[in-house]
């Protein structure tokens, strides 16, 4: 089952088919990378004025949902 979120879209050919903020070219991975590098929500929103706080939360929710659906396979 595909992961869906109203603020996230996956469009073939757009950013290599990676999940993006709807209507933008900013990927979920971009946002996660900025957060993991230590940027605050306020810094991200200042650097990318087209983003909103809801977009950051949507990216986190999307990534959390995808993580919950990931299955580990242990090689024999």
Protein backbone atom coordinates (compact mmCIF):
# COMPACT_ATOMS: atom_id res chain seq x y z
CA UNK A 1 0.00 0.00 0.00
CA UNK A 2 1.36 3.42 -0.97
CA UNK A 3 1.94 5.97 1.73
CA UNK A 4 -0.26 9.01 1.22
CA UNK A 5 -0.32 12.45 2.75
CA UNK A 6 -2.26 15.46 1.43
CA UNK A 7 0.84 17.71 1.45
CA UNK A 8 3.21 15.16 -0.13
CA UNK A 9 3.19 14.05 -3.75
CA UNK A 10 5.21 11.59 -5.80
CA UNK A 11 5.35 12.53 -9.47
CA UNK A 12 7.33 10.35 -11.88
CA UNK A 13 10.13 12.42 -13.39
CA UNK A 14 9.96 15.14 -10.73
CA UNK A 15 13.09 14.99 -8.57
CA UNK A 16 13.59 11.39 -9.66
CA UNK A 17 10.18 10.31 -8.36
CA UNK A 18 11.08 11.17 -4.77
CA UNK A 19 8.31 12.32 -2.43
CA UNK A 20 8.05 16.13 -2.61
CA UNK A 21 6.08 18.85 -0.93
CA UNK A 22 2.96 19.23 -3.10
CA UNK A 23 3.49 21.85 -5.80
CA UNK A 24 7.19 22.28 -4.99
CA UNK A 25 10.48 20.61 -5.84
CA UNK A 26 11.56 20.27 -2.21
CA UNK A 27 11.75 16.60 -1.22
CA UNK A 28 11.01 14.93 2.07
CA UNK A 29 14.69 13.95 2.04
CA UNK A 30 15.75 17.58 1.67
CA UNK A 31 13.78 18.53 4.79
CA UNK A 32 15.05 15.55 6.77
CA UNK A 33 18.61 16.39 5.74
CA UNK A 34 18.27 20.00 6.87
CA UNK A 35 16.82 18.94 10.21
CA UNK A 36 19.50 16.30 10.74
CA UNK A 37 22.21 18.87 9.99
CA UNK A 38 20.93 20.93 12.90
CA UNK A 39 18.75 23.51 11.14
CA UNK A 40 15.75 24.61 13.17
CA UNK A 41 12.27 24.81 11.73
CA UNK A 42 12.58 28.61 11.84
CA UNK A 43 15.86 28.52 9.87
CA UNK A 44 14.36 26.25 7.21
CA UNK A 45 11.29 28.47 6.87
CA UNK A 46 13.49 31.56 6.62
CA UNK A 47 15.69 29.99 3.91
CA UNK A 48 12.72 28.56 1.99
CA UNK A 49 9.84 31.04 2.25
CA UNK A 50 7.50 28.87 0.15
CA UNK A 51 7.57 26.25 2.91
CA UNK A 52 5.25 26.34 5.90
CA UNK A 53 5.46 24.66 9.28
CA UNK A 54 2.81 22.17 8.10
CA UNK A 55 5.14 21.08 5.29
CA UNK A 56 7.91 20.23 7.75
CA UNK A 57 5.50 18.25 9.93
CA UNK A 58 4.14 16.49 6.84
CA UNK A 59 7.66 15.45 5.81
CA UNK A 60 8.33 14.08 9.29
CA UNK A 61 4.99 12.23 9.35
CA UNK A 62 5.62 10.80 5.89
CA UNK A 63 9.10 9.58 6.87
CA UNK A 64 7.81 8.11 10.16
CA UNK A 65 5.03 6.27 8.34
CA UNK A 66 7.47 4.93 5.76
CA UNK A 67 9.80 3.77 8.54
CA UNK A 68 6.95 1.93 10.27
CA UNK A 69 6.23 0.07 7.02
CA UNK A 70 9.87 -0.95 6.44
CA UNK A 71 10.55 -4.64 6.99
CA UNK A 72 13.93 -5.99 7.89
CA UNK A 73 15.18 -9.05 6.13
CA UNK A 74 17.93 -11.02 7.82
CA UNK A 75 20.13 -13.05 5.53
CA UNK A 76 20.70 -16.67 6.60
